[in-house]
Amino acid sequence: MISYLRGVLAAFEEDKVIIDVGGVGYGVYMSGQAMGMLPSVGKEVKIHTYLNVKEDAMQLYGFLTRDDLTVFKLLIGVNGIGPKGGLGVLSALSPDDLRFAVLSNDVKAICAAPGIGKKTAEKLILELRDKLKLEDALEHIAYGTEASGEIDGHGEVQSEAVQALTALGYGSTEALKAVKQVEIDESMKVEDVLKLALKHMML
């Protein structure tokens, strides 16, 4: 099994990238969100992979972090969601957004993924509720993940702001997205982040 590929990003295609590893070009299907975070062609990349074997094809699905890959495996374990469906969910929602959506029973957020209807979203929530932990999402905010580039050293303040917003009655997914939009500097406290996050939520 191919756990990851490290090589040169050779090309972008409509729904996949080509990674040149020692002169061999591997076609790797990725979410639009992940493809948007890759460097330019010619740069070295490391892509975590899942090999899907079918009767008539072998397909590689790629992810920027092991967390993305782990969540993808959970998604395709849900009856009715195949690899392409799982990738579609991760194109619409980051792993942390998905955690918040599942744990806050946010069917609407999950239905934003292509090909996911209300019944499938409800089934996904039911089957993954015990497998996705809120603590993991908050920990990623506090300490960052191996390739996110989103956390800038103010994770503890962000984490407390998210928890404060949910305590005020806002949805977990909504709170996480609002806090991520706030540009934080060294002088800001949780109260300052809360005020700015609330402004974003009211736009």
C-alpha atoms as a PDB file:
ATOM      1  CA  MET A   1       0.000   0.000   0.000  1.00  0.00           C
ATOM      2  CA  ILE A   2       1.235   3.503  -0.849  1.00  0.00           C
ATOM      3  CA  SER A   3       1.133   5.588   2.363  1.00  0.00           C
ATOM      4  CA  TYR A   4       2.453   8.816   0.858  1.00  0.00           C
ATOM      5  CA  LEU A   5       4.253  10.280  -2.143  1.00  0.00           C
ATOM      6  CA  ARG A   6       7.119  12.735  -1.977  1.00  0.00           C
ATOM      7  CA  GLY A   7       8.069  14.251  -5.304  1.00  0.00           C
ATOM      8  CA  VAL A   8       7.760  17.181  -7.677  1.00  0.00           C
ATOM      9  CA  LEU A   9       4.364  18.643  -8.488  1.00  0.00           C
ATOM     10  CA  ALA A  10       4.324  18.156 -12.265  1.00  0.00           C
ATOM     11  CA  ALA A  11       0.834  19.288 -13.291  1.00  0.00           C
ATOM     12  CA  PHE A  12      -2.669  20.239 -12.205  1.00  0.00           C
ATOM     13  CA  GLU A  13      -5.626  18.594 -13.932  1.00  0.00           C
ATOM     14  CA  GLU A  14      -9.345  19.147 -13.409  1.00  0.00           C
ATOM     15  CA  ASP A  15      -9.762  16.894 -10.383  1.00  0.00           C
ATOM     16  CA  LYS A  16      -6.272  15.592  -9.738  1.00  0.00           C
ATOM     17  CA  VAL A  17      -2.571  16.424  -9.696  1.00  0.00           C
ATOM     18  CA  ILE A  18       0.400  14.639 -11.224  1.00  0.00           C
ATOM     19  CA  ILE A  19       3.308  13.970  -8.866  1.00  0.00           C
ATOM     20  CA  ASP A  20       6.659  13.059 -10.410  1.00  0.00           C
ATOM     21  CA  VAL A  21       8.410  10.580  -8.120  1.00  0.00           C
ATOM     22  CA  GLY A  22      11.732   9.469  -9.533  1.00  0.00           C
ATOM     23  CA  GLY A  23      10.592   9.902 -13.122  1.00  0.00           C
ATOM     24  CA  VAL A  24       7.233   8.159 -12.617  1.00  0.00           C
ATOM     25  CA  GLY A  25       4.113  10.349 -12.811  1.00  0.00           C
ATOM     26  CA  TYR A  26       1.402   9.448 -10.291  1.00  0.00           C
ATOM     27  CA  GLY A  27      -2.120  10.791 -10.847  1.00  0.00           C
ATOM     28  CA  VAL A  28      -3.614  11.672  -7.460  1.00  0.00           C
ATOM     29  CA  TYR A  29      -7.233  12.753  -6.969  1.00  0.00           C
ATOM     30  CA  MET A  30      -7.557  15.606  -4.449  1.00  0.00           C
ATOM     31  CA  SER A  31     -10.253  17.921  -3.140  1.00  0.00           C
ATOM     32  CA  GLY A  32     -10.458  21.392  -4.646  1.00  0.00           C
ATOM     33  CA  GLN A  33      -9.683  22.843  -1.219  1.00  0.00           C
ATOM     34  CA  ALA A  34      -6.473  20.805  -0.926  1.00  0.00           C
ATOM     35  CA  MET A  35      -5.380  21.542  -4.496  1.00  0.00           C
ATOM     36  CA  GLY A  36      -5.761  25.247  -3.774  1.00  0.00           C
ATOM     37  CA  MET A  37      -3.232  24.964  -0.937  1.00  0.00           C
ATOM     38  CA  LEU A  38      -0.523  23.267  -3.003  1.00  0.00           C
ATOM     39  CA  PRO A  39       2.549  25.204  -4.177  1.00  0.00           C
ATOM     40  CA  SER A  40       3.238  25.988  -7.822  1.00  0.00           C
ATOM     41  CA  VAL A  41       4.235  23.407 -10.437  1.00  0.00           C
ATOM     42  CA  GLY A  42       7.877  22.388 -10.070  1.00  0.00           C
ATOM     43  CA  LYS A  43       7.910  22.503  -6.264  1.00  0.00           C
ATOM     44  CA  GLU A  44       8.415  19.462  -4.032  1.00  0.00           C
ATOM     45  CA  VAL A  45       5.345  18.160  -2.194  1.00  0.00           C
ATOM     46  CA  LYS A  46       4.453  15.370   0.201  1.00  0.00           C
ATOM     47  CA  ILE A  47       0.983  13.915  -0.284  1.00  0.00           C
ATOM     48  CA  HIS A  48      -0.586  11.355   2.059  1.00  0.00           C
ATOM     49  CA  THR A  49      -2.465   8.819  -0.036  1.00  0.00           C
ATOM     50  CA  TYR A  50      -5.270   6.276  -0.017  1.00  0.00           C
ATOM     51  CA  LEU A  51      -5.218   3.571  -2.699  1.00  0.00           C
ATOM     52  CA  ASN A  52      -8.682   2.578  -3.906  1.00  0.00           C
ATOM     53  CA  VAL A  53      -8.674  -0.723  -5.783  1.00  0.00           C
ATOM     54  CA  LYS A  54     -11.582  -1.527  -8.105  1.00  0.00           C
ATOM     55  CA  GLU A  55     -12.072  -4.313 -10.615  1.00  0.00           C
ATOM     56  CA  ASP A  56     -11.114  -2.092 -13.530  1.00  0.00           C
ATOM     57  CA  ALA A  57      -8.870   0.535 -11.935  1.00  0.00           C
ATOM     58  CA  MET A  58      -6.536   1.539  -9.117  1.00  0.00           C
ATOM     59  CA  GLN A  59      -6.979   5.139  -7.967  1.00  0.00           C
ATOM     60  CA  LEU A  60      -4.888   7.223  -5.602  1.00  0.00           C
ATOM     61  CA  TYR A  61      -6.595   9.846  -3.426  1.00  0.00           C
ATOM     62  CA  GLY A  62      -4.341  12.446  -1.851  1.00  0.00           C
ATOM     63  CA  PHE A  63      -4.369  14.604   1.280  1.00  0.00           C
ATOM     64  CA  LEU A  64      -2.152  17.306   2.745  1.00  0.00           C
ATOM     65  CA  THR A  65      -2.201  15.938   6.306  1.00  0.00           C
ATOM     66  CA  ARG A  66      -2.686  12.613   8.040  1.00  0.00           C
ATOM     67  CA  ASP A  67      -5.719  14.110   9.761  1.00  0.00           C
ATOM     68  CA  ASP A  68      -7.349  14.722   6.366  1.00  0.00           C
ATOM     69  CA  LEU A  69      -6.628  11.118   5.405  1.00  0.00           C
ATOM     70  CA  THR A  70      -8.020   9.782   8.694  1.00  0.00           C
ATOM     71  CA  VAL A  71     -11.270  11.714   8.284  1.00  0.00           C
ATOM     72  CA  PHE A  72     -11.538  10.579   4.647  1.00  0.00           C
ATOM     73  CA  LYS A  73     -11.289   6.933   5.758  1.00  0.00           C
ATOM     74  CA  LEU A  74     -14.079   7.524   8.289  1.00  0.00           C
ATOM     75  CA  LEU A  75     -16.227   9.114   5.591  1.00  0.00           C
ATOM     76  CA  ILE A  76     -15.895   6.252   3.122  1.00  0.00           C
ATOM     77  CA  GLY A  77     -16.754   3.865   5.949  1.00  0.00           C
ATOM     78  CA  VAL A  78     -20.261   5.341   5.944  1.00  0.00           C
ATOM     79  CA  ASN A  79     -22.608   3.220   3.826  1.00  0.00           C
ATOM     80  CA  GLY A  80     -23.421   5.044   0.598  1.00  0.00           C
ATOM     81  CA  ILE A  81     -20.339   7.293   0.550  1.00  0.00           C
ATOM     82  CA  GLY A  82     -17.568   6.211  -1.809  1.00  0.00           C
ATOM     83  CA  PRO A  83     -14.122   7.752  -2.333  1.00  0.00           C
ATOM     84  CA  LYS A  84     -15.419  10.438  -4.703  1.00  0.00           C
ATOM     85  CA  GLY A  85     -18.210  11.287  -2.270  1.00  0.00           C
ATOM     86  CA  GLY A  86     -15.728  11.493   0.602  1.00  0.00           C
ATOM     87  CA  LEU A  87     -13.506  13.788  -1.433  1.00  0.00           C
ATOM     88  CA  GLY A  88     -16.544  15.920  -2.249  1.00  0.00           C
ATOM     89  CA  VAL A  89     -17.303  16.353   1.455  1.00  0.00           C
ATOM     90  CA  LEU A  90     -13.712  17.433   2.109  1.00  0.00           C
ATOM     91  CA  SER A  91     -13.932  19.894  -0.789  1.00  0.00           C
ATOM     92  CA  ALA A  92     -16.824  21.620   0.971  1.00  0.00           C
ATOM     93  CA  LEU A  93     -15.720  21.177   4.596  1.00  0.00           C
ATOM     94  CA  SER A  94     -12.322  20.969   6.251  1.00  0.00           C
ATOM     95  CA  PRO A  95     -11.918  18.049   8.697  1.00  0.00           C
ATOM     96  CA  ASP A  96     -12.474  20.436  11.633  1.00  0.00           C
ATOM     97  CA  ASP A  97     -15.545  21.995   9.993  1.00  0.00           C
ATOM     98  CA  LEU A  98     -16.892  18.472   9.477  1.00  0.00           C
ATOM     99  CA  ARG A  99     -16.251  17.612  13.135  1.00  0.00           C
ATOM    100  CA  PHE A 100     -18.200  20.660  14.256  1.00  0.00           C
ATOM    101  CA  ALA A 101     -21.005  19.986  11.759  1.00  0.00           C
ATOM    102  CA  VAL A 102     -21.363  16.371  12.905  1.00  0.00           C
ATOM    103  CA  LEU A 103     -21.212  17.159  16.617  1.00  0.00           C
ATOM    104  CA  SER A 104     -23.665  20.067  16.309  1.00  0.00           C
ATOM    105  CA  ASN A 105     -26.020  18.037  14.084  1.00  0.00           C
ATOM    106  CA  ASP A 106     -25.622  20.599  11.283  1.00  0.00           C
ATOM    107  CA  VAL A 107     -27.251  18.730   8.389  1.00  0.00           C
ATOM    108  CA  LYS A 108     -27.355  21.858   6.239  1.00  0.00           C
ATOM    109  CA  ALA A 109     -23.577  22.346   6.375  1.00  0.00           C
ATOM    110  CA  ILE A 110     -22.933  18.754   5.277  1.00  0.00           C
ATOM    111  CA  CYS A 111     -25.515  19.005   2.490  1.00  0.00           C
ATOM    112  CA  ALA A 112     -23.325  21.759   0.985  1.00  0.00           C
ATOM    113  CA  ALA A 113     -21.043  18.962  -0.267  1.00  0.00           C
ATOM    114  CA  PRO A 114     -21.749  17.874  -3.863  1.00  0.00           C
ATOM    115  CA  GLY A 115     -23.906  14.766  -4.105  1.00  0.00           C
ATOM    116  CA  ILE A 116     -24.811  14.709  -0.402  1.00  0.00           C
ATOM    117  CA  GLY A 117     -28.544  14.879   0.259  1.00  0.00           C
ATOM    118  CA  LYS A 118     -30.373  15.272   3.553  1.00  0.00           C
ATOM    119  CA  LYS A 119     -30.754  11.522   4.207  1.00  0.00           C
ATOM    120  CA  THR A 120     -27.079  10.810   3.520  1.00  0.00           C
ATOM    121  CA  ALA A 121     -26.041  13.762   5.702  1.00  0.00           C
ATOM    122  CA  GLU A 122     -28.215  12.489   8.564  1.00  0.00           C
ATOM    123  CA  LYS A 123     -26.732   8.992   8.187  1.00  0.00           C
ATOM    124  CA  LEU A 124     -23.219  10.452   8.161  1.00  0.00           C
ATOM    125  CA  ILE A 125     -23.899  12.371  11.376  1.00  0.00           C
ATOM    126  CA  LEU A 126     -25.386   9.294  13.046  1.00  0.00           C
ATOM    127  CA  GLU A 127     -22.480   7.020  12.114  1.00  0.00           C
ATOM    128  CA  LEU A 128     -19.630   9.476  12.789  1.00  0.00           C
ATOM    129  CA  ARG A 129     -20.870  11.177  15.945  1.00  0.00           C
ATOM    130  CA  ASP A 130     -18.957   8.754  18.176  1.00  0.00           C
ATOM    131  CA  LYS A 131     -15.866   8.724  15.948  1.00  0.00           C
ATOM    132  CA  LEU A 132     -15.213  12.455  15.520  1.00  0.00           C
ATOM    133  CA  LYS A 133     -14.223  14.326  18.672  1.00  0.00           C
ATOM    134  CA  LEU A 134     -14.761  18.023  19.389  1.00  0.00           C
ATOM    135  CA  GLU A 135     -11.534  18.005  21.393  1.00  0.00           C
ATOM    136  CA  ASP A 136      -9.570  17.170  18.236  1.00  0.00           C
ATOM    137  CA  ALA A 137     -10.894  20.257  16.433  1.00  0.00           C
ATOM    138  CA  LEU A 138     -10.134  22.534  19.380  1.00  0.00           C
ATOM    139  CA  GLU A 139      -6.670  21.000  19.727  1.00  0.00           C
ATOM    140  CA  HIS A 140      -5.972  21.749  16.052  1.00  0.00           C
ATOM    141  CA  ILE A 141      -6.930  25.366  16.644  1.00  0.00           C
ATOM    142  CA  ALA A 142      -4.692  25.573  19.700  1.00  0.00           C
ATOM    143  CA  TYR A 143      -1.622  23.891  18.254  1.00  0.00           C
ATOM    144  CA  GLY A 144      -2.091  23.802  14.477  1.00  0.00           C
ATOM    145  CA  THR A 145      -1.789  20.809  12.145  1.00  0.00           C
ATOM    146  CA  GLU A 146       1.180  19.635  10.137  1.00  0.00           C
ATOM    147  CA  ALA A 147       0.363  21.565   6.947  1.00  0.00           C
ATOM    148  CA  SER A 148      -2.496  23.914   7.653  1.00  0.00           C
ATOM    149  CA  GLY A 149      -0.679  27.237   7.731  1.00  0.00           C
ATOM    150  CA  GLU A 150      -3.794  28.687   9.359  1.00  0.00           C
ATOM    151  CA  ILE A 151      -2.667  28.894  12.967  1.00  0.00           C
ATOM    152  CA  ASP A 152      -0.272  31.674  13.814  1.00  0.00           C
ATOM    153  CA  GLY A 153       0.644  31.175  17.461  1.00  0.00           C
ATOM    154  CA  HIS A 154      -2.610  32.526  18.934  1.00  0.00           C
ATOM    155  CA  GLY A 155      -4.378  29.163  19.030  1.00  0.00           C
ATOM    156  CA  GLU A 156      -5.244  29.205  22.738  1.00  0.00           C
ATOM    157  CA  VAL A 157      -7.090  32.513  22.380  1.00  0.00           C
ATOM    158  CA  GLN A 158      -8.885  31.190  19.285  1.00  0.00           C
ATOM    159  CA  SER A 159      -9.883  27.987  21.069  1.00  0.00           C
ATOM    160  CA  GLU A 160     -11.320  29.886  24.052  1.00  0.00           C
ATOM    161  CA  ALA A 161     -13.205  32.238  21.713  1.00  0.00           C
ATOM    162  CA  VAL A 162     -14.817  29.296  19.900  1.00  0.00           C
ATOM    163  CA  GLN A 163     -15.873  27.744  23.212  1.00  0.00           C
ATOM    164  CA  ALA A 164     -17.272  31.086  24.396  1.00  0.00           C
ATOM    165  CA  LEU A 165     -19.350  31.522  21.233  1.00  0.00           C
ATOM    166  CA  THR A 166     -20.796  28.018  21.505  1.00  0.00           C
ATOM    167  CA  ALA A 167     -21.622  28.736  25.160  1.00  0.00           C
ATOM    168  CA  LEU A 168     -23.552  31.794  23.934  1.00  0.00           C
ATOM    169  CA  GLY A 169     -25.689  29.509  21.792  1.00  0.00           C
ATOM    170  CA  TYR A 170     -24.020  29.805  18.388  1.00  0.00           C
ATOM    171  CA  GLY A 171     -23.481  26.697  16.277  1.00  0.00           C
ATOM    172  CA  SER A 172     -20.034  25.121  16.578  1.00  0.00           C
ATOM    173  CA  THR A 173     -19.352  25.265  12.839  1.00  0.00           C
ATOM    174  CA  GLU A 174     -20.461  28.898  12.651  1.00  0.00           C
ATOM    175  CA  ALA A 175     -18.315  29.826  15.660  1.00  0.00           C
ATOM    176  CA  LEU A 176     -15.206  28.135  14.280  1.00  0.00           C
ATOM    177  CA  LYS A 177     -15.514  29.855  10.902  1.00  0.00           C
ATOM    178  CA  ALA A 178     -16.051  33.279  12.497  1.00  0.00           C
ATOM    179  CA  VAL A 179     -13.018  32.983  14.774  1.00  0.00           C
ATOM    180  CA  LYS A 180     -10.822  31.836  11.875  1.00  0.00           C
ATOM    181  CA  GLN A 181     -11.672  35.077  10.039  1.00  0.00           C
ATOM    182  CA  VAL A 182     -10.315  37.291  12.830  1.00  0.00           C
ATOM    183  CA  GLU A 183      -6.780  38.624  12.334  1.00  0.00           C
ATOM    184  CA  ILE A 184      -5.170  38.326  15.764  1.00  0.00           C
ATOM    185  CA  ASP A 185      -2.175  40.232  17.108  1.00  0.00           C
ATOM    186  CA  GLU A 186      -0.174  39.837  20.332  1.00  0.00           C
ATOM    187  CA  SER A 187      -2.175  42.418  22.303  1.00  0.00           C
ATOM    188  CA  MET A 188      -5.592  40.838  21.758  1.00  0.00           C
ATOM    189  CA  LYS A 189      -7.470  38.997  24.475  1.00  0.00           C
ATOM    190  CA  VAL A 190     -10.318  36.498  24.171  1.00  0.00           C
ATOM    191  CA  GLU A 191     -12.869  39.317  24.613  1.00  0.00           C
ATOM    192  CA  ASP A 192     -11.361  41.226  21.670  1.00  0.00           C
ATOM    193  CA  VAL A 193     -11.501  38.162  19.436  1.00  0.00           C
ATOM    194  CA  LEU A 194     -15.099  37.536  20.502  1.00  0.00           C
ATOM    195  CA  LYS A 195     -16.177  41.048  19.514  1.00  0.00           C
ATOM    196  CA  LEU A 196     -14.573  40.801  16.073  1.00  0.00           C
ATOM    197  CA  ALA A 197     -15.904  37.267  15.514  1.00  0.00           C
ATOM    198  CA  LEU A 198     -19.418  38.463  16.342  1.00  0.00           C
ATOM    199  CA  LYS A 199     -19.036  41.250  13.774  1.00  0.00           C
ATOM    200  CA  HIS A 200     -18.138  38.689  11.112  1.00  0.00           C
ATOM    201  CA  MET A 201     -21.176  36.617  12.075  1.00  0.00           C
ATOM    202  CA  MET A 202     -23.468  39.592  11.603  1.00  0.00           C
ATOM    203  CA  LEU A 203     -22.201  40.511   8.115  1.00  0.00           C
END
